[in-house]
Amino acid sequence: MSETALKAPHQLGLDSFVEDLFGLNIRGLGTIRDLLVRPKAVFEAARSPDWEERYTPSIRLVFSILTVMAFFSFIWAGDDSPMVQAMIEGLLASSDETGRTEQEAVDIANRIVALYAASIPFVYIICHGLVSLVVRVWGKGTPALVRMRLYMLSIVPSMTFSVLSLFLAPRFGESLLYLALSYLTAMALDAATAYRGGIVGSSSFRRVLKAVLFALVSFVTTAVASALAIAIPGIYVALQAS
């Protein structure tokens, strides 16, 4: 594939972005399937304003997957989960200054988890959306919205894997090996999807290099989004209590 990207057949504007984010259809599972078996077709459809009337817009699909992740994260984040226990211990450590009881610490921790689950989809979309605008691996002349579409397509398989891994988290979530394998698998999926789908380069080596860099950027962005998603509710609760 040449360095010059294929041009979108029509100009994509704000109306296309709104449709991507809020429109409804039932093609999500088919889009995920094709991203695994024939990603190039989905990436080519992303350059069409209506996704060739075949696929679910990637921004909407990512948001839906994030919502599912947030739902299960909230359901499984009980009082005995490592995340909640760490919050409770931190809150109790400052109880000498605040006079906070153990039950109050539990209530605050649960409120933070609820706000965290509610904010995850929005924080992730904003962080990855902003990064997608500066990641330029799709060919010269690729418009901003198309870059966002292609970026979001590239992370759909890894996010789908993350949802599936949530079902194993209650059993293996505290294992460092499990966490390391999960992160490596997600990065491999990001790199493979971007490489097979739409990354442009003058040689296979350059495309592989861009795919690896893309996976690293996506991983760092996810880490930053996760930190923000947990920090923002904590700050909000602290301000409410002050």
Protein backbone atom coordinates (compact mmCIF):
# COMPACT_ATOMS: atom_id res chain seq x y z
CA MET A 1 0.00 0.00 0.00
CA SER A 2 1.35 3.43 -0.84
CA GLU A 3 1.95 6.24 1.64
CA THR A 4 -0.95 8.20 0.19
CA ALA A 5 -4.24 7.22 1.73
CA LEU A 6 -7.38 6.60 -0.22
CA LYS A 7 -9.64 9.61 -0.04
CA ALA A 8 -13.09 9.33 1.47
CA PRO A 9 -15.69 9.40 -1.33
CA HIS A 10 -17.60 12.16 0.45
CA GLN A 11 -16.67 14.83 2.95
CA LEU A 12 -17.17 13.68 6.55
CA GLY A 13 -18.33 16.36 8.95
CA LEU A 14 -20.02 16.96 12.29
CA ASP A 15 -23.20 15.15 11.22
CA SER A 16 -21.18 12.00 10.50
CA PHE A 17 -19.52 12.24 13.94
CA VAL A 18 -22.87 12.54 15.72
CA GLU A 19 -24.20 9.55 13.79
CA ASP A 20 -21.11 7.53 14.73
CA LEU A 21 -21.58 8.27 18.42
CA PHE A 22 -25.32 8.09 18.95
CA GLY A 23 -26.84 6.14 16.04
CA LEU A 24 -28.30 2.71 16.70
CA ASN A 25 -27.97 -0.57 14.79
CA ILE A 26 -27.57 -4.30 15.43
CA ARG A 27 -24.39 -4.91 13.45
CA GLY A 28 -21.93 -4.71 16.32
CA LEU A 29 -21.15 -8.41 16.62
CA GLY A 30 -20.71 -8.72 12.86
CA THR A 31 -18.32 -5.78 12.92
CA ILE A 32 -16.24 -7.40 15.67
CA ARG A 33 -16.21 -10.68 13.76
CA ASP A 34 -15.02 -9.05 10.55
CA LEU A 35 -12.34 -7.11 12.44
CA LEU A 36 -10.92 -10.49 13.42
CA VAL A 37 -11.29 -12.36 10.13
CA ARG A 38 -11.12 -9.62 7.46
CA PRO A 39 -10.21 -6.29 9.05
CA LYS A 40 -9.22 -4.66 5.76
CA ALA A 41 -12.86 -4.65 4.60
CA VAL A 42 -14.00 -2.89 7.78
CA PHE A 43 -11.20 -0.32 7.59
CA GLU A 44 -12.11 0.46 3.99
CA ALA A 45 -15.76 0.88 4.98
CA ALA A 46 -14.68 3.37 7.66
CA ARG A 47 -13.72 5.79 4.88
CA SER A 48 -17.35 5.87 3.72
CA PRO A 49 -19.72 8.29 5.53
CA ASP A 50 -22.31 5.54 6.09
CA TRP A 51 -19.84 2.69 6.66
CA GLU A 52 -21.14 1.19 3.41
CA GLU A 53 -24.31 0.39 5.41
CA ARG A 54 -22.59 -2.79 6.60
CA TYR A 55 -20.82 -2.02 9.89
CA THR A 56 -21.40 -0.38 13.25
CA PRO A 57 -19.45 2.89 13.57
CA SER A 58 -16.32 2.27 15.63
CA ILE A 59 -16.84 5.16 18.07
CA ARG A 60 -20.26 3.82 18.98
CA LEU A 61 -18.93 0.27 19.21
CA VAL A 62 -16.08 1.28 21.54
CA PHE A 63 -18.49 3.21 23.75
CA SER A 64 -20.83 0.20 23.95
CA ILE A 65 -17.98 -2.14 24.90
CA LEU A 66 -16.79 0.31 27.54
CA THR A 67 -20.30 0.47 28.99
CA VAL A 68 -20.38 -3.33 29.29
CA MET A 69 -16.95 -3.28 30.95
CA ALA A 70 -18.07 -0.61 33.40
CA PHE A 71 -21.20 -2.59 34.26
CA PHE A 72 -19.31 -5.77 35.13
CA SER A 73 -16.57 -3.84 36.92
CA PHE A 74 -19.19 -2.28 39.16
CA ILE A 75 -21.02 -5.57 39.76
CA TRP A 76 -17.85 -7.42 40.77
CA ALA A 77 -16.27 -4.60 42.78
CA GLY A 78 -17.69 -5.74 46.12
CA ASP A 79 -16.45 -4.70 49.54
CA ASP A 80 -13.94 -7.58 49.51
CA SER A 81 -12.45 -6.78 46.07
CA PRO A 82 -8.78 -5.66 46.02
CA MET A 83 -9.64 -2.23 44.58
CA VAL A 84 -12.29 -1.44 47.19
CA GLN A 85 -10.18 -2.85 50.02
CA ALA A 86 -7.26 -0.62 49.00
CA MET A 87 -9.57 2.42 49.04
CA ILE A 88 -10.99 1.50 52.45
CA GLU A 89 -7.52 1.04 53.92
CA GLY A 90 -6.43 4.41 52.55
CA LEU A 91 -9.52 6.12 53.94
CA LEU A 92 -9.09 4.49 57.35
CA ALA A 93 -5.41 5.49 57.41
CA SER A 94 -6.54 9.12 57.47
CA SER A 95 -9.33 8.48 59.95
CA ASP A 96 -7.29 9.96 62.83
CA GLU A 97 -7.53 13.35 61.14
CA THR A 98 -11.06 13.05 59.81
CA GLY A 99 -12.72 10.99 62.55
CA ARG A 100 -14.09 8.70 59.84
CA THR A 101 -15.62 5.38 60.93
CA GLU A 102 -15.07 2.08 59.13
CA GLN A 103 -18.62 2.08 57.79
CA GLU A 104 -18.18 5.62 56.48
CA ALA A 105 -14.98 4.51 54.74
CA VAL A 106 -16.85 1.60 53.13
CA ASP A 107 -19.65 3.91 51.97
CA ILE A 108 -17.18 6.40 50.46
CA ALA A 109 -15.26 3.63 48.71
CA ASN A 110 -18.46 2.22 47.20
CA ARG A 111 -19.45 5.69 46.02
CA ILE A 112 -16.06 6.15 44.35
CA VAL A 113 -16.42 2.77 42.60
CA ALA A 114 -19.91 3.71 41.36
CA LEU A 115 -18.65 7.03 40.00
CA TYR A 116 -15.64 5.27 38.50
CA ALA A 117 -17.86 2.79 36.64
CA ALA A 118 -20.06 5.63 35.38
CA SER A 119 -17.13 7.74 34.19
CA ILE A 120 -15.04 5.01 32.49
CA PRO A 121 -16.76 5.15 29.06
CA PHE A 122 -16.57 8.93 28.82
CA VAL A 123 -12.98 9.27 30.07
CA TYR A 124 -11.76 6.49 27.77
CA ILE A 125 -13.54 7.91 24.73
CA ILE A 126 -12.15 11.40 25.38
CA CYS A 127 -8.57 10.20 25.97
CA HIS A 128 -8.42 7.80 23.04
CA GLY A 129 -10.36 10.23 20.85
CA LEU A 130 -7.82 13.00 21.42
CA VAL A 131 -4.88 10.66 20.85
CA SER A 132 -6.46 9.33 17.65
CA LEU A 133 -6.25 12.81 16.15
CA VAL A 134 -2.46 12.92 16.46
CA VAL A 135 -1.74 9.29 15.48
CA ARG A 136 -0.94 9.48 11.77
CA VAL A 137 -0.26 5.99 10.48
CA TRP A 138 -3.16 5.71 8.02
CA GLY A 139 -1.65 7.53 5.06
CA LYS A 140 -1.21 11.15 4.01
CA GLY A 141 -4.36 13.19 3.64
CA THR A 142 -6.51 11.04 5.95
CA PRO A 143 -9.13 13.39 7.48
CA ALA A 144 -9.40 13.79 11.27
CA LEU A 145 -12.70 11.89 11.62
CA VAL A 146 -11.40 9.03 9.49
CA ARG A 147 -8.27 8.85 11.68
CA MET A 148 -10.54 8.62 14.71
CA ARG A 149 -12.66 5.92 13.08
CA LEU A 150 -9.63 3.83 12.11
CA TYR A 151 -8.00 4.24 15.52
CA MET A 152 -11.16 3.13 17.30
CA LEU A 153 -11.52 0.14 14.98
CA SER A 154 -8.00 -0.93 15.88
CA ILE A 155 -8.74 -1.14 19.60
CA VAL A 156 -12.12 -2.92 19.34
CA PRO A 157 -10.70 -6.50 19.38
CA SER A 158 -8.49 -5.80 22.41
CA MET A 159 -11.39 -4.19 24.24
CA THR A 160 -13.59 -7.17 23.42
CA PHE A 161 -10.85 -9.38 24.87
CA SER A 162 -10.81 -7.18 27.98
CA VAL A 163 -14.54 -7.75 28.46
CA LEU A 164 -14.07 -11.51 28.19
CA SER A 165 -11.12 -11.40 30.59
CA LEU A 166 -13.33 -9.74 33.19
CA PHE A 167 -15.02 -13.10 33.71
CA LEU A 168 -11.66 -14.56 34.78
CA ALA A 169 -10.64 -11.56 36.85
CA PRO A 170 -12.38 -12.65 40.09
CA ARG A 171 -10.25 -15.83 40.02
CA PHE A 172 -6.94 -14.65 38.57
CA GLY A 173 -7.14 -10.86 38.91
CA GLU A 174 -4.47 -10.71 41.66
CA SER A 175 -1.98 -12.83 39.70
CA LEU A 176 0.83 -10.75 38.22
CA LEU A 177 1.30 -13.36 35.48
CA TYR A 178 -2.38 -13.14 34.54
CA LEU A 179 -2.22 -9.34 34.42
CA ALA A 180 0.98 -9.37 32.34
CA LEU A 181 -0.46 -11.87 29.86
CA SER A 182 -3.69 -9.84 29.61
CA TYR A 183 -1.80 -6.63 28.84
CA LEU A 184 0.46 -8.33 26.29
CA THR A 185 -2.50 -9.99 24.57
CA ALA A 186 -4.36 -6.68 24.35
CA MET A 187 -1.30 -4.95 22.88
CA ALA A 188 -0.79 -7.77 20.39
CA LEU A 189 -4.42 -7.47 19.27
CA ASP A 190 -4.07 -3.70 18.82
CA ALA A 191 -0.90 -4.10 16.75
CA ALA A 192 -2.26 -6.97 14.65
CA THR A 193 -5.59 -5.27 13.92
CA ALA A 194 -3.99 -1.97 12.96
CA TYR A 195 -1.39 -3.73 10.80
CA ARG A 196 -3.87 -5.98 8.99
CA GLY A 197 -6.52 -3.30 8.67
CA GLY A 198 -5.16 0.03 7.63
CA ILE A 199 -1.63 1.01 8.62
CA VAL A 200 0.22 2.46 5.63
CA GLY A 201 3.95 2.15 5.04
CA SER A 202 6.53 1.96 2.28
CA SER A 203 7.61 -1.51 3.43
CA SER A 204 6.41 -4.36 5.62
CA PHE A 205 9.04 -3.47 8.21
CA ARG A 206 7.79 0.11 8.47
CA ARG A 207 4.22 -1.11 8.82
CA VAL A 208 5.22 -3.54 11.59
CA LEU A 209 7.12 -0.77 13.37
CA LYS A 210 4.14 1.57 13.12
CA ALA A 211 1.84 -1.19 14.41
CA VAL A 212 4.06 -1.79 17.46
CA LEU A 213 4.25 1.94 18.18
CA PHE A 214 0.48 2.17 17.78
CA ALA A 215 0.00 -0.59 20.37
CA LEU A 216 2.33 1.18 22.80
CA VAL A 217 0.50 4.48 22.37
CA SER A 218 -2.85 2.76 22.90
CA PHE A 219 -1.55 1.01 26.03
CA VAL A 220 -0.24 4.25 27.56
CA THR A 221 -3.47 6.06 26.69
CA THR A 222 -5.51 3.33 28.38
CA ALA A 223 -3.31 3.55 31.48
CA VAL A 224 -3.76 7.34 31.63
CA ALA A 225 -7.52 7.01 31.11
CA SER A 226 -7.74 4.40 33.89
CA ALA A 227 -5.84 6.67 36.28
CA LEU A 228 -8.09 9.61 35.45
CA ALA A 229 -11.24 7.49 35.77
CA ILE A 230 -10.31 6.55 39.33
CA ALA A 231 -8.84 9.95 40.30
CA ILE A 232 -11.77 12.09 39.21
CA PRO A 233 -14.39 10.33 41.41
CA GLY A 234 -11.94 10.39 44.33
CA ILE A 235 -11.44 14.13 43.99
CA TYR A 236 -15.19 14.67 43.66
CA VAL A 237 -15.96 12.68 46.83
CA ALA A 238 -13.18 14.50 48.71
CA LEU A 239 -14.62 17.88 47.71
CA GLN A 240 -18.11 16.78 48.73
CA ALA A 241 -16.82 15.70 52.14
CA SER A 242 -14.88 18.93 52.74
